[in-house]
Amino acid sequence: MKEIKAYVHSHRIGAVFAALKASNAWASAADKGAPNLAVYLVKGTLLPLDEWERQYSVELGNEVVNEYKLELLCEGEHVDELVTLIRRHGRTGQATAGWVYVTEVEQASRIA
C-alpha cells in the first residue's frame, strides 16, 4: 500500500478531486470498500498566483498561501495513474504549482 500526499493551489482542488473520483483507481478502491482520501486546507509556501492568494500569517511571521493537502491511500499499481491525474489537474502554469509525494505504508488497519 502507498500513500500519496499532494499540495495543490486552492483554485485547482476541485478539478483534482473530480479527476480522482472519475479514475479507474478510485473505482477499484470503491470495489474494495471505500477510497481513503482526506483533504485539508493548509497554510503553505507555494508561490502565490496573484495578490488574492497572498496572505500574511501573524503566527508564522511570514507570507503564506491557502493551499490544499490531499492524503490518499492506494494500491501500488494505481500510484502512477493517480500521481499523473494530480499533476495534470493541479497545474497552474507556474514552474512549481505544488508537490506530490509517494511513501510506502507499512501497515494499515481498518477501525471496525
N, C-alpha and C. Protein backbone atom coordinates (compact mmCIF):
# COMPACT_ATOMS: atom_id res chain seq x y z
N MET A 1 0.84 -1.17 0.00
CA MET A 1 0.00 0.00 0.00
C MET A 1 0.89 1.24 0.00
N LYS A 2 0.42 2.28 -0.68
CA LYS A 2 1.16 3.54 -0.80
C LYS A 2 0.30 4.69 -0.29
N GLU A 3 0.97 5.74 0.15
CA GLU A 3 0.29 6.97 0.50
C GLU A 3 0.78 8.06 -0.43
N ILE A 4 -0.16 8.74 -1.04
CA ILE A 4 0.16 9.89 -1.89
C ILE A 4 -0.25 11.13 -1.13
N LYS A 5 0.68 12.07 -0.99
CA LYS A 5 0.38 13.38 -0.41
C LYS A 5 0.65 14.41 -1.49
N ALA A 6 -0.27 15.34 -1.62
CA ALA A 6 -0.11 16.38 -2.64
C ALA A 6 -0.52 17.72 -2.07
N TYR A 7 0.22 18.75 -2.46
CA TYR A 7 -0.10 20.13 -2.10
C TYR A 7 -0.49 20.86 -3.38
N VAL A 8 -1.72 21.40 -3.39
CA VAL A 8 -2.32 21.95 -4.61
C VAL A 8 -2.89 23.33 -4.30
N HIS A 9 -2.78 24.24 -5.26
CA HIS A 9 -3.40 25.56 -5.12
C HIS A 9 -4.90 25.41 -4.92
N SER A 10 -5.48 26.32 -4.13
CA SER A 10 -6.89 26.20 -3.76
C SER A 10 -7.83 26.23 -4.96
N HIS A 11 -7.51 26.98 -6.00
CA HIS A 11 -8.43 27.04 -7.14
C HIS A 11 -8.32 25.83 -8.07
N ARG A 12 -7.40 24.89 -7.80
CA ARG A 12 -7.25 23.68 -8.61
C ARG A 12 -7.79 22.44 -7.91
N ILE A 13 -8.14 22.55 -6.62
CA ILE A 13 -8.52 21.36 -5.86
C ILE A 13 -9.79 20.71 -6.40
N GLY A 14 -10.74 21.48 -6.86
CA GLY A 14 -11.97 20.90 -7.40
C GLY A 14 -11.71 20.03 -8.61
N ALA A 15 -10.86 20.50 -9.52
CA ALA A 15 -10.52 19.73 -10.72
C ALA A 15 -9.75 18.46 -10.36
N VAL A 16 -8.85 18.57 -9.40
CA VAL A 16 -8.07 17.40 -8.97
C VAL A 16 -9.01 16.38 -8.34
N PHE A 17 -9.88 16.81 -7.46
CA PHE A 17 -10.81 15.91 -6.79
C PHE A 17 -11.72 15.22 -7.79
N ALA A 18 -12.26 15.96 -8.74
CA ALA A 18 -13.15 15.38 -9.76
C ALA A 18 -12.41 14.34 -10.60
N ALA A 19 -11.16 14.63 -10.97
CA ALA A 19 -10.37 13.69 -11.77
C ALA A 19 -10.09 12.41 -10.98
N LEU A 20 -9.78 12.54 -9.70
CA LEU A 20 -9.53 11.36 -8.88
C LEU A 20 -10.78 10.49 -8.79
N LYS A 21 -11.94 11.12 -8.55
CA LYS A 21 -13.19 10.37 -8.42
C LYS A 21 -13.58 9.66 -9.72
N ALA A 22 -13.17 10.20 -10.86
CA ALA A 22 -13.52 9.61 -12.16
C ALA A 22 -12.51 8.55 -12.60
N SER A 23 -11.46 8.35 -11.84
CA SER A 23 -10.37 7.45 -12.27
C SER A 23 -10.69 5.97 -12.04
N ASN A 24 -9.97 5.12 -12.76
CA ASN A 24 -10.08 3.67 -12.58
C ASN A 24 -9.61 3.27 -11.18
N ALA A 25 -8.59 3.96 -10.67
CA ALA A 25 -8.07 3.65 -9.34
C ALA A 25 -9.13 3.89 -8.27
N TRP A 26 -9.90 4.97 -8.42
CA TRP A 26 -10.98 5.27 -7.47
C TRP A 26 -12.04 4.18 -7.52
N ALA A 27 -12.40 3.77 -8.73
CA ALA A 27 -13.41 2.71 -8.90
C ALA A 27 -12.92 1.41 -8.29
N SER A 28 -11.64 1.10 -8.46
CA SER A 28 -11.07 -0.11 -7.89
C SER A 28 -11.11 -0.08 -6.37
N ALA A 29 -10.77 1.08 -5.78
CA ALA A 29 -10.81 1.22 -4.33
C ALA A 29 -12.24 1.13 -3.82
N ALA A 30 -13.18 1.68 -4.56
CA ALA A 30 -14.60 1.64 -4.16
C ALA A 30 -15.10 0.21 -4.14
N ASP A 31 -14.60 -0.63 -5.06
CA ASP A 31 -14.98 -2.04 -5.09
C ASP A 31 -14.53 -2.78 -3.83
N LYS A 32 -13.46 -2.28 -3.19
CA LYS A 32 -12.90 -2.93 -2.00
C LYS A 32 -13.40 -2.30 -0.71
N GLY A 33 -14.34 -1.41 -0.77
CA GLY A 33 -14.85 -0.75 0.42
C GLY A 33 -15.08 0.72 0.14
N ALA A 34 -14.03 1.51 0.29
CA ALA A 34 -14.13 2.94 0.00
C ALA A 34 -12.73 3.50 -0.18
N PRO A 35 -12.58 4.44 -1.10
CA PRO A 35 -11.27 5.08 -1.26
C PRO A 35 -10.94 5.86 0.02
N ASN A 36 -9.68 5.88 0.36
CA ASN A 36 -9.25 6.57 1.56
C ASN A 36 -8.60 7.89 1.16
N LEU A 37 -9.39 8.95 1.13
CA LEU A 37 -8.91 10.26 0.72
C LEU A 37 -9.28 11.28 1.78
N ALA A 38 -8.30 12.09 2.19
CA ALA A 38 -8.54 13.20 3.10
C ALA A 38 -8.05 14.47 2.43
N VAL A 39 -8.77 15.56 2.63
CA VAL A 39 -8.41 16.85 2.04
C VAL A 39 -8.39 17.87 3.17
N TYR A 40 -7.28 18.61 3.28
CA TYR A 40 -7.12 19.60 4.34
C TYR A 40 -6.79 20.96 3.74
N LEU A 41 -7.37 21.99 4.30
CA LEU A 41 -6.97 23.36 3.96
C LEU A 41 -5.78 23.69 4.85
N VAL A 42 -4.66 24.07 4.24
CA VAL A 42 -3.44 24.35 5.00
C VAL A 42 -2.86 25.69 4.57
N LYS A 43 -2.01 26.24 5.40
CA LYS A 43 -1.24 27.43 5.05
C LYS A 43 0.12 26.91 4.57
N GLY A 44 0.51 27.32 3.36
CA GLY A 44 1.75 26.82 2.80
C GLY A 44 2.58 27.91 2.17
N THR A 45 3.64 27.47 1.52
CA THR A 45 4.61 28.40 0.95
C THR A 45 4.68 28.32 -0.57
N LEU A 46 3.62 27.80 -1.21
CA LEU A 46 3.60 27.85 -2.67
C LEU A 46 3.66 29.30 -3.11
N LEU A 47 4.23 29.54 -4.27
CA LEU A 47 4.29 30.89 -4.82
C LEU A 47 2.88 31.34 -5.16
N PRO A 48 2.43 32.49 -4.63
CA PRO A 48 1.07 32.94 -4.93
C PRO A 48 0.90 33.23 -6.42
N LEU A 49 -0.28 32.89 -6.94
CA LEU A 49 -0.57 33.14 -8.35
C LEU A 49 -0.83 34.61 -8.61
N ASP A 50 -1.44 35.28 -7.64
CA ASP A 50 -1.72 36.71 -7.75
C ASP A 50 -1.96 37.27 -6.35
N GLU A 51 -2.34 38.52 -6.27
CA GLU A 51 -2.49 39.20 -4.98
C GLU A 51 -3.58 38.59 -4.09
N TRP A 52 -4.66 38.05 -4.68
CA TRP A 52 -5.73 37.50 -3.85
C TRP A 52 -5.28 36.25 -3.10
N GLU A 53 -4.23 35.56 -3.57
CA GLU A 53 -3.72 34.39 -2.86
C GLU A 53 -2.71 34.76 -1.77
N ARG A 54 -2.12 35.90 -1.89
CA ARG A 54 -1.06 36.34 -0.97
C ARG A 54 -1.68 36.73 0.37
N GLN A 55 -1.19 36.12 1.45
CA GLN A 55 -1.65 36.44 2.80
C GLN A 55 -0.43 36.55 3.71
N TYR A 56 -0.63 37.15 4.86
CA TYR A 56 0.44 37.24 5.83
C TYR A 56 -0.05 36.58 7.11
N SER A 57 0.72 35.63 7.63
CA SER A 57 0.38 34.94 8.87
C SER A 57 1.12 35.61 10.03
N VAL A 58 0.35 36.16 10.96
CA VAL A 58 0.94 36.76 12.15
C VAL A 58 1.61 35.67 12.99
N GLU A 59 0.97 34.50 13.09
CA GLU A 59 1.52 33.40 13.89
C GLU A 59 2.87 32.93 13.35
N LEU A 60 2.99 32.86 12.04
CA LEU A 60 4.23 32.38 11.42
C LEU A 60 5.21 33.51 11.13
N GLY A 61 4.69 34.72 11.11
CA GLY A 61 5.55 35.86 10.82
C GLY A 61 6.07 35.85 9.40
N ASN A 62 5.23 35.38 8.48
CA ASN A 62 5.68 35.26 7.10
C ASN A 62 4.48 35.23 6.15
N GLU A 63 4.78 35.42 4.87
CA GLU A 63 3.77 35.30 3.83
C GLU A 63 3.40 33.84 3.63
N VAL A 64 2.12 33.57 3.45
CA VAL A 64 1.63 32.21 3.21
C VAL A 64 0.56 32.25 2.13
N VAL A 65 0.20 31.07 1.65
CA VAL A 65 -0.85 30.89 0.66
C VAL A 65 -1.78 29.80 1.18
N ASN A 66 -3.10 30.00 1.05
CA ASN A 66 -4.03 28.90 1.33
C ASN A 66 -3.89 27.88 0.22
N GLU A 67 -3.58 26.66 0.61
CA GLU A 67 -3.47 25.58 -0.35
C GLU A 67 -4.14 24.35 0.25
N TYR A 68 -4.34 23.34 -0.56
CA TYR A 68 -4.95 22.11 -0.07
C TYR A 68 -3.94 20.99 -0.07
N LYS A 69 -4.03 20.19 0.99
CA LYS A 69 -3.21 18.99 1.10
C LYS A 69 -4.13 17.79 0.93
N LEU A 70 -3.80 16.93 -0.01
CA LEU A 70 -4.52 15.68 -0.22
C LEU A 70 -3.71 14.55 0.40
N GLU A 71 -4.36 13.64 1.05
CA GLU A 71 -3.73 12.41 1.52
C GLU A 71 -4.58 11.26 1.00
N LEU A 72 -3.98 10.37 0.25
CA LEU A 72 -4.71 9.32 -0.43
C LEU A 72 -3.95 8.00 -0.27
N LEU A 73 -4.63 6.98 0.24
CA LEU A 73 -4.05 5.65 0.31
C LEU A 73 -4.52 4.86 -0.91
N CYS A 74 -3.61 4.10 -1.50
CA CYS A 74 -3.97 3.33 -2.68
C CYS A 74 -3.06 2.11 -2.81
N GLU A 75 -3.46 1.21 -3.66
CA GLU A 75 -2.62 0.06 -4.00
C GLU A 75 -1.49 0.54 -4.90
N GLY A 76 -0.35 -0.12 -4.82
CA GLY A 76 0.83 0.27 -5.58
C GLY A 76 0.61 0.37 -7.07
N GLU A 77 -0.24 -0.49 -7.63
CA GLU A 77 -0.44 -0.47 -9.08
C GLU A 77 -1.18 0.77 -9.57
N HIS A 78 -1.79 1.55 -8.65
CA HIS A 78 -2.54 2.74 -9.04
C HIS A 78 -1.76 4.05 -8.85
N VAL A 79 -0.57 3.96 -8.29
CA VAL A 79 0.19 5.17 -7.95
C VAL A 79 0.45 6.04 -9.17
N ASP A 80 0.97 5.47 -10.24
CA ASP A 80 1.32 6.27 -11.42
C ASP A 80 0.10 6.98 -12.00
N GLU A 81 -1.02 6.26 -12.09
CA GLU A 81 -2.25 6.87 -12.62
C GLU A 81 -2.70 8.05 -11.75
N LEU A 82 -2.69 7.86 -10.43
CA LEU A 82 -3.16 8.91 -9.53
C LEU A 82 -2.23 10.12 -9.50
N VAL A 83 -0.93 9.86 -9.48
CA VAL A 83 0.04 10.96 -9.50
C VAL A 83 -0.09 11.75 -10.79
N THR A 84 -0.25 11.06 -11.91
CA THR A 84 -0.42 11.73 -13.20
C THR A 84 -1.66 12.62 -13.19
N LEU A 85 -2.78 12.12 -12.65
CA LEU A 85 -4.01 12.91 -12.58
C LEU A 85 -3.83 14.15 -11.71
N ILE A 86 -3.20 13.98 -10.55
CA ILE A 86 -2.98 15.12 -9.66
C ILE A 86 -2.11 16.16 -10.33
N ARG A 87 -1.04 15.73 -10.98
CA ARG A 87 -0.14 16.67 -11.65
C ARG A 87 -0.83 17.37 -12.82
N ARG A 88 -1.60 16.63 -13.60
CA ARG A 88 -2.28 17.22 -14.76
C ARG A 88 -3.34 18.23 -14.34
N HIS A 89 -4.16 17.89 -13.36
CA HIS A 89 -5.28 18.74 -12.99
C HIS A 89 -4.92 19.79 -11.94
N GLY A 90 -3.75 19.65 -11.32
CA GLY A 90 -3.29 20.64 -10.36
C GLY A 90 -2.43 21.72 -10.98
N ARG A 91 -2.16 21.58 -12.27
CA ARG A 91 -1.29 22.51 -13.00
C ARG A 91 -1.86 23.92 -13.03
N THR A 92 -0.97 24.92 -12.83
CA THR A 92 -1.40 26.32 -12.85
C THR A 92 -0.69 27.14 -13.93
N GLY A 93 0.35 26.58 -14.53
CA GLY A 93 1.14 27.34 -15.49
C GLY A 93 2.44 27.84 -14.89
N GLN A 94 2.58 27.74 -13.58
CA GLN A 94 3.83 28.13 -12.93
C GLN A 94 4.84 26.98 -13.05
N ALA A 95 6.11 27.30 -12.87
CA ALA A 95 7.14 26.26 -12.88
C ALA A 95 6.93 25.28 -11.72
N THR A 96 6.52 25.78 -10.57
CA THR A 96 6.20 24.92 -9.42
C THR A 96 4.82 25.32 -8.92
N ALA A 97 3.83 24.46 -9.20
CA ALA A 97 2.45 24.75 -8.81
C ALA A 97 2.02 23.89 -7.62
N GLY A 98 2.91 23.09 -7.09
CA GLY A 98 2.59 22.21 -5.97
C GLY A 98 3.57 21.06 -5.94
N TRP A 99 3.30 20.11 -5.05
CA TRP A 99 4.18 18.95 -4.88
C TRP A 99 3.35 17.70 -4.68
N VAL A 100 3.89 16.57 -5.12
CA VAL A 100 3.27 15.27 -4.89
C VAL A 100 4.35 14.35 -4.32
N TYR A 101 4.04 13.70 -3.20
CA TYR A 101 4.95 12.77 -2.55
C TYR A 101 4.30 11.40 -2.48
N VAL A 102 5.09 10.36 -2.64
CA VAL A 102 4.60 8.99 -2.50
C VAL A 102 5.47 8.27 -1.49
N THR A 103 4.83 7.65 -0.50
CA THR A 103 5.56 6.90 0.52
C THR A 103 4.95 5.51 0.69
N GLU A 104 5.75 4.62 1.21
CA GLU A 104 5.31 3.26 1.50
C GLU A 104 4.56 3.25 2.83
N VAL A 105 3.46 2.51 2.87
CA VAL A 105 2.70 2.33 4.11
C VAL A 105 3.00 0.93 4.61
N GLU A 106 3.61 0.86 5.78
CA GLU A 106 3.97 -0.44 6.33
C GLU A 106 2.76 -1.24 6.80
N GLN A 107 1.79 -0.53 7.36
CA GLN A 107 0.62 -1.22 7.88
C GLN A 107 -0.57 -0.28 7.83
N ALA A 108 -1.72 -0.80 7.48
CA ALA A 108 -2.96 -0.04 7.51
C ALA A 108 -4.04 -0.97 8.10
N SER A 109 -4.69 -0.52 9.14
CA SER A 109 -5.71 -1.34 9.81
C SER A 109 -7.02 -0.59 9.85
N ARG A 110 -8.06 -1.24 9.43
CA ARG A 110 -9.40 -0.66 9.45
C ARG A 110 -9.91 -0.63 10.89
N ILE A 111 -10.54 0.45 11.27
CA ILE A 111 -11.20 0.52 12.56
C ILE A 111 -12.63 0.08 12.35
N ALA A 112 -12.98 -1.05 12.93
CA ALA A 112 -14.31 -1.61 12.70
C ALA A 112 -15.22 -1.35 13.89
